[in-house]
Protein backbone atom coordinates (compact mmCIF):
# COMPACT_ATOMS: atom_id res chain seq x y z
CA UNK A 1 0.00 0.00 0.00
CA UNK A 2 2.70 2.51 0.94
CA UNK A 3 4.54 1.96 -2.37
CA UNK A 4 1.32 2.75 -4.25
CA UNK A 5 0.74 5.90 -2.22
CA UNK A 6 4.37 6.96 -2.63
CA UNK A 7 4.01 6.61 -6.42
CA UNK A 8 0.75 8.61 -6.37
CA UNK A 9 2.36 11.44 -4.40
CA UNK A 10 5.39 11.51 -6.67
CA UNK A 11 3.02 11.76 -9.67
CA UNK A 12 1.17 14.57 -7.92
CA UNK A 13 4.34 16.60 -7.30
CA UNK A 14 5.60 16.00 -10.85
CA UNK A 15 2.27 17.11 -12.32
CA UNK A 16 2.35 20.21 -10.11
CA UNK A 17 5.88 20.99 -11.32
CA UNK A 18 4.72 20.41 -14.92
CA UNK A 19 1.69 22.67 -14.44
CA UNK A 20 -0.55 19.79 -15.57
CA UNK A 21 -3.81 20.60 -13.78
CA UNK A 22 -5.73 17.77 -15.46
CA UNK A 23 -3.18 15.21 -14.27
CA UNK A 24 -3.32 16.62 -10.74
CA UNK A 25 -7.11 16.57 -10.57
CA UNK A 26 -7.19 12.99 -11.95
CA UNK A 27 -5.47 11.85 -8.74
CA UNK A 28 -8.38 13.17 -6.64
CA UNK A 29 -11.79 11.67 -5.93
CA UNK A 30 -14.43 13.60 -7.95
CA UNK A 31 -15.55 15.25 -4.70
CA UNK A 32 -11.97 15.68 -3.43
CA UNK A 33 -11.13 18.82 -1.51
CA UNK A 34 -8.10 20.93 -0.69
CA UNK A 35 -7.74 22.79 2.60
CA UNK A 36 -5.46 25.77 1.98
CA UNK A 37 -4.08 28.33 4.46
CA UNK A 38 -4.78 31.10 1.92
CA UNK A 39 -7.97 29.93 0.21
CA UNK A 40 -9.78 27.81 2.79
CA UNK A 41 -11.67 24.66 1.73
CA UNK A 42 -12.21 24.25 -2.01
CA UNK A 43 -13.01 21.45 -4.44
CA UNK A 44 -9.73 20.15 -5.84
CA UNK A 45 -10.47 21.13 -9.44
CA UNK A 46 -11.34 24.69 -8.41
CA UNK A 47 -8.29 25.02 -6.16
CA UNK A 48 -5.83 23.85 -8.81
CA UNK A 49 -7.44 26.03 -11.48
CA UNK A 50 -6.99 29.04 -9.16
CA UNK A 51 -3.40 28.02 -8.39
CA UNK A 52 -2.69 27.74 -12.12
CA UNK A 53 -4.10 31.25 -12.68
CA UNK A 54 -1.75 32.65 -10.01
CA UNK A 55 1.33 30.76 -11.24
CA UNK A 56 3.90 31.24 -13.94
CA UNK A 57 5.79 28.04 -13.10
CA UNK A 58 6.99 26.03 -10.16
CA UNK A 59 9.44 23.38 -9.13
CA UNK A 60 8.69 21.07 -6.23
CA UNK A 61 11.26 19.02 -4.38
CA UNK A 62 9.91 16.16 -2.27
CA UNK A 63 11.88 15.94 0.98
CA UNK A 64 9.95 13.23 2.86
CA UNK A 65 6.94 10.99 2.31
CA UNK A 66 5.37 9.42 5.38
CA UNK A 67 2.44 7.01 5.61
CA UNK A 68 -0.11 6.83 8.42
CA UNK A 69 -0.51 3.76 10.57
CA UNK A 70 -4.16 3.38 9.50
CA UNK A 71 -3.25 2.93 5.82
CA UNK A 72 -5.60 5.75 4.78
CA UNK A 73 -3.34 8.78 5.10
CA UNK A 74 0.04 10.03 3.97
CA UNK A 75 2.04 13.23 4.32
CA UNK A 76 4.73 14.78 2.17
CA UNK A 77 7.21 17.46 3.18
CA UNK A 78 8.36 19.53 0.22
CA UNK A 79 10.20 22.62 -0.95
CA UNK A 80 8.19 24.81 -3.31
CA UNK A 81 10.06 27.12 -5.69
CA UNK A 82 7.18 29.10 -7.14
CA UNK A 83 7.12 31.81 -9.80
CA UNK A 84 4.00 33.94 -9.63
CA UNK A 85 2.19 35.48 -12.59
CA UNK A 86 3.83 38.84 -11.87
CA UNK A 87 7.27 37.23 -12.22
CA UNK A 88 8.20 37.29 -8.54
CA UNK A 89 9.73 34.18 -7.01
CA UNK A 90 8.73 32.61 -3.72
CA UNK A 91 10.39 29.66 -1.98
CA UNK A 92 9.07 27.88 1.09
CA UNK A 93 8.85 24.47 2.73
CA UNK A 94 5.54 22.90 3.63
CA UNK A 95 3.72 19.69 4.39
CA UNK A 96 0.69 18.30 2.60
CA UNK A 97 -1.45 15.75 4.42
CA UNK A 98 -3.55 13.40 2.27
CA UNK A 99 -6.56 11.21 3.04
CA UNK A 100 -7.25 8.49 0.44
CA UNK A 101 -10.33 6.51 -0.56
CA UNK A 102 -10.44 2.75 -1.23
CA UNK A 103 -9.31 3.29 -4.87
CA UNK A 104 -6.25 5.29 -3.77
CA UNK A 105 -7.76 8.58 -4.93
CA UNK A 106 -7.12 11.64 -2.80
CA UNK A 107 -10.23 12.59 -0.81
CA UNK A 108 -8.71 15.53 1.00
CA UNK A 109 -5.37 17.32 0.93
CA UNK A 110 -4.58 19.71 3.76
CA UNK A 111 -1.70 22.12 3.18
CA UNK A 112 0.48 23.24 6.10
CA UNK A 113 3.08 26.00 5.96
CA UNK A 114 3.93 29.20 7.75
CA UNK A 115 2.01 31.84 5.80
CA UNK A 116 3.34 34.86 7.70
CA UNK A 117 6.67 35.22 5.84
CA UNK A 118 4.91 34.70 2.50
CA UNK A 119 2.27 37.30 3.20
CA UNK A 120 4.93 39.83 4.21
CA UNK A 121 6.98 39.08 1.09
CA UNK A 122 4.34 38.88 -1.63
CA UNK A 123 0.97 39.84 -0.18
CA UNK A 124 -2.21 38.08 -1.28
CA UNK A 125 -1.49 36.94 -4.84
CA UNK A 126 -4.85 35.18 -5.08
CA UNK A 127 -6.81 38.43 -4.82
C-alpha atoms as a PDB file:
ATOM      1  CA  UNK A   1       0.000   0.000   0.000  1.00  0.00           C
ATOM      2  CA  UNK A   2       2.702   2.505   0.943  1.00  0.00           C
ATOM      3  CA  UNK A   3       4.536   1.959  -2.374  1.00  0.00           C
ATOM      4  CA  UNK A   4       1.322   2.751  -4.255  1.00  0.00           C
ATOM      5  CA  UNK A   5       0.744   5.899  -2.218  1.00  0.00           C
ATOM      6  CA  UNK A   6       4.371   6.962  -2.633  1.00  0.00           C
ATOM      7  CA  UNK A   7       4.007   6.610  -6.415  1.00  0.00           C
ATOM      8  CA  UNK A   8       0.748   8.614  -6.373  1.00  0.00           C
ATOM      9  CA  UNK A   9       2.356  11.435  -4.401  1.00  0.00           C
ATOM     10  CA  UNK A  10       5.392  11.509  -6.672  1.00  0.00           C
ATOM     11  CA  UNK A  11       3.023  11.760  -9.670  1.00  0.00           C
ATOM     12  CA  UNK A  12       1.174  14.574  -7.916  1.00  0.00           C
ATOM     13  CA  UNK A  13       4.341  16.604  -7.299  1.00  0.00           C
ATOM     14  CA  UNK A  14       5.604  15.998 -10.847  1.00  0.00           C
ATOM     15  CA  UNK A  15       2.266  17.105 -12.322  1.00  0.00           C
ATOM     16  CA  UNK A  16       2.347  20.205 -10.106  1.00  0.00           C
ATOM     17  CA  UNK A  17       5.875  20.990 -11.321  1.00  0.00           C
ATOM     18  CA  UNK A  18       4.721  20.406 -14.917  1.00  0.00           C
ATOM     19  CA  UNK A  19       1.692  22.666 -14.438  1.00  0.00           C
ATOM     20  CA  UNK A  20      -0.550  19.791 -15.571  1.00  0.00           C
ATOM     21  CA  UNK A  21      -3.806  20.602 -13.777  1.00  0.00           C
ATOM     22  CA  UNK A  22      -5.729  17.770 -15.461  1.00  0.00           C
ATOM     23  CA  UNK A  23      -3.177  15.207 -14.266  1.00  0.00           C
ATOM     24  CA  UNK A  24      -3.315  16.618 -10.737  1.00  0.00           C
ATOM     25  CA  UNK A  25      -7.105  16.569 -10.570  1.00  0.00           C
ATOM     26  CA  UNK A  26      -7.193  12.994 -11.945  1.00  0.00           C
ATOM     27  CA  UNK A  27      -5.466  11.845  -8.738  1.00  0.00           C
ATOM     28  CA  UNK A  28      -8.381  13.172  -6.644  1.00  0.00           C
ATOM     29  CA  UNK A  29     -11.785  11.666  -5.933  1.00  0.00           C
ATOM     30  CA  UNK A  30     -14.427  13.600  -7.950  1.00  0.00           C
ATOM     31  CA  UNK A  31     -15.546  15.253  -4.696  1.00  0.00           C
ATOM     32  CA  UNK A  32     -11.973  15.679  -3.433  1.00  0.00           C
ATOM     33  CA  UNK A  33     -11.131  18.823  -1.511  1.00  0.00           C
ATOM     34  CA  UNK A  34      -8.105  20.928  -0.693  1.00  0.00           C
ATOM     35  CA  UNK A  35      -7.739  22.785   2.596  1.00  0.00           C
ATOM     36  CA  UNK A  36      -5.460  25.774   1.978  1.00  0.00           C
ATOM     37  CA  UNK A  37      -4.080  28.334   4.458  1.00  0.00           C
ATOM     38  CA  UNK A  38      -4.783  31.099   1.920  1.00  0.00           C
ATOM     39  CA  UNK A  39      -7.970  29.934   0.212  1.00  0.00           C
ATOM     40  CA  UNK A  40      -9.784  27.809   2.788  1.00  0.00           C
ATOM     41  CA  UNK A  41     -11.668  24.663   1.728  1.00  0.00           C
ATOM     42  CA  UNK A  42     -12.212  24.247  -2.009  1.00  0.00           C
ATOM     43  CA  UNK A  43     -13.010  21.453  -4.435  1.00  0.00           C
ATOM     44  CA  UNK A  44      -9.730  20.154  -5.836  1.00  0.00           C
ATOM     45  CA  UNK A  45     -10.472  21.127  -9.436  1.00  0.00           C
ATOM     46  CA  UNK A  46     -11.343  24.694  -8.408  1.00  0.00           C
ATOM     47  CA  UNK A  47      -8.295  25.016  -6.158  1.00  0.00           C
ATOM     48  CA  UNK A  48      -5.826  23.854  -8.806  1.00  0.00           C
ATOM     49  CA  UNK A  49      -7.440  26.035 -11.483  1.00  0.00           C
ATOM     50  CA  UNK A  50      -6.993  29.044  -9.160  1.00  0.00           C
ATOM     51  CA  UNK A  51      -3.397  28.020  -8.392  1.00  0.00           C
ATOM     52  CA  UNK A  52      -2.691  27.741 -12.118  1.00  0.00           C
ATOM     53  CA  UNK A  53      -4.098  31.245 -12.682  1.00  0.00           C
ATOM     54  CA  UNK A  54      -1.747  32.648 -10.012  1.00  0.00           C
ATOM     55  CA  UNK A  55       1.332  30.760 -11.239  1.00  0.00           C
ATOM     56  CA  UNK A  56       3.903  31.241 -13.945  1.00  0.00           C
ATOM     57  CA  UNK A  57       5.785  28.042 -13.097  1.00  0.00           C
ATOM     58  CA  UNK A  58       6.989  26.034 -10.162  1.00  0.00           C
ATOM     59  CA  UNK A  59       9.445  23.377  -9.129  1.00  0.00           C
ATOM     60  CA  UNK A  60       8.687  21.073  -6.231  1.00  0.00           C
ATOM     61  CA  UNK A  61      11.256  19.017  -4.382  1.00  0.00           C
ATOM     62  CA  UNK A  62       9.907  16.162  -2.268  1.00  0.00           C
ATOM     63  CA  UNK A  63      11.881  15.937   0.975  1.00  0.00           C
ATOM     64  CA  UNK A  64       9.949  13.227   2.857  1.00  0.00           C
ATOM     65  CA  UNK A  65       6.936  10.985   2.307  1.00  0.00           C
ATOM     66  CA  UNK A  66       5.375   9.422   5.380  1.00  0.00           C
ATOM     67  CA  UNK A  67       2.437   7.009   5.610  1.00  0.00           C
ATOM     68  CA  UNK A  68      -0.106   6.828   8.417  1.00  0.00           C
ATOM     69  CA  UNK A  69      -0.515   3.760  10.567  1.00  0.00           C
ATOM     70  CA  UNK A  70      -4.156   3.380   9.501  1.00  0.00           C
ATOM     71  CA  UNK A  71      -3.248   2.929   5.821  1.00  0.00           C
ATOM     72  CA  UNK A  72      -5.599   5.748   4.780  1.00  0.00           C
ATOM     73  CA  UNK A  73      -3.341   8.777   5.104  1.00  0.00           C
ATOM     74  CA  UNK A  74       0.042  10.034   3.971  1.00  0.00           C
ATOM     75  CA  UNK A  75       2.040  13.227   4.324  1.00  0.00           C
ATOM     76  CA  UNK A  76       4.731  14.781   2.168  1.00  0.00           C
ATOM     77  CA  UNK A  77       7.214  17.464   3.184  1.00  0.00           C
ATOM     78  CA  UNK A  78       8.358  19.534   0.223  1.00  0.00           C
ATOM     79  CA  UNK A  79      10.197  22.625  -0.951  1.00  0.00           C
ATOM     80  CA  UNK A  80       8.190  24.814  -3.306  1.00  0.00           C
ATOM     81  CA  UNK A  81      10.060  27.116  -5.687  1.00  0.00           C
ATOM     82  CA  UNK A  82       7.179  29.099  -7.138  1.00  0.00           C
ATOM     83  CA  UNK A  83       7.115  31.807  -9.802  1.00  0.00           C
ATOM     84  CA  UNK A  84       4.004  33.939  -9.626  1.00  0.00           C
ATOM     85  CA  UNK A  85       2.187  35.484 -12.588  1.00  0.00           C
ATOM     86  CA  UNK A  86       3.826  38.842 -11.869  1.00  0.00           C
ATOM     87  CA  UNK A  87       7.272  37.229 -12.221  1.00  0.00           C
ATOM     88  CA  UNK A  88       8.196  37.290  -8.539  1.00  0.00           C
ATOM     89  CA  UNK A  89       9.732  34.181  -7.013  1.00  0.00           C
ATOM     90  CA  UNK A  90       8.726  32.607  -3.716  1.00  0.00           C
ATOM     91  CA  UNK A  91      10.387  29.662  -1.976  1.00  0.00           C
ATOM     92  CA  UNK A  92       9.070  27.877   1.089  1.00  0.00           C
ATOM     93  CA  UNK A  93       8.846  24.473   2.735  1.00  0.00           C
ATOM     94  CA  UNK A  94       5.538  22.902   3.635  1.00  0.00           C
ATOM     95  CA  UNK A  95       3.724  19.687   4.391  1.00  0.00           C
ATOM     96  CA  UNK A  96       0.689  18.301   2.595  1.00  0.00           C
ATOM     97  CA  UNK A  97      -1.453  15.749   4.419  1.00  0.00           C
ATOM     98  CA  UNK A  98      -3.549  13.397   2.268  1.00  0.00           C
ATOM     99  CA  UNK A  99      -6.556  11.209   3.038  1.00  0.00           C
ATOM    100  CA  UNK A 100      -7.247   8.488   0.436  1.00  0.00           C
ATOM    101  CA  UNK A 101     -10.326   6.514  -0.562  1.00  0.00           C
ATOM    102  CA  UNK A 102     -10.439   2.746  -1.231  1.00  0.00           C
ATOM    103  CA  UNK A 103      -9.312   3.291  -4.866  1.00  0.00           C
ATOM    104  CA  UNK A 104      -6.249   5.293  -3.773  1.00  0.00           C
ATOM    105  CA  UNK A 105      -7.756   8.576  -4.928  1.00  0.00           C
ATOM    106  CA  UNK A 106      -7.122  11.643  -2.797  1.00  0.00           C
ATOM    107  CA  UNK A 107     -10.231  12.590  -0.809  1.00  0.00           C
ATOM    108  CA  UNK A 108      -8.709  15.531   1.002  1.00  0.00           C
ATOM    109  CA  UNK A 109      -5.375  17.317   0.933  1.00  0.00           C
ATOM    110  CA  UNK A 110      -4.581  19.710   3.762  1.00  0.00           C
ATOM    111  CA  UNK A 111      -1.705  22.119   3.180  1.00  0.00           C
ATOM    112  CA  UNK A 112       0.476  23.240   6.096  1.00  0.00           C
ATOM    113  CA  UNK A 113       3.082  25.996   5.955  1.00  0.00           C
ATOM    114  CA  UNK A 114       3.928  29.201   7.747  1.00  0.00           C
ATOM    115  CA  UNK A 115       2.014  31.838   5.798  1.00  0.00           C
ATOM    116  CA  UNK A 116       3.339  34.856   7.704  1.00  0.00           C
ATOM    117  CA  UNK A 117       6.671  35.222   5.838  1.00  0.00           C
ATOM    118  CA  UNK A 118       4.914  34.699   2.503  1.00  0.00           C
ATOM    119  CA  UNK A 119       2.266  37.301   3.204  1.00  0.00           C
ATOM    120  CA  UNK A 120       4.927  39.830   4.207  1.00  0.00           C
ATOM    121  CA  UNK A 121       6.980  39.079   1.089  1.00  0.00           C
ATOM    122  CA  UNK A 122       4.338  38.882  -1.634  1.00  0.00           C
ATOM    123  CA  UNK A 123       0.971  39.839  -0.182  1.00  0.00           C
ATOM    124  CA  UNK A 124      -2.211  38.077  -1.276  1.00  0.00           C
ATOM    125  CA  UNK A 125      -1.494  36.943  -4.836  1.00  0.00           C
ATOM    126  CA  UNK A 126      -4.851  35.176  -5.078  1.00  0.00           C
ATOM    127  CA  UNK A 127      -6.812  38.427  -4.819  1.00  0.00           C
END
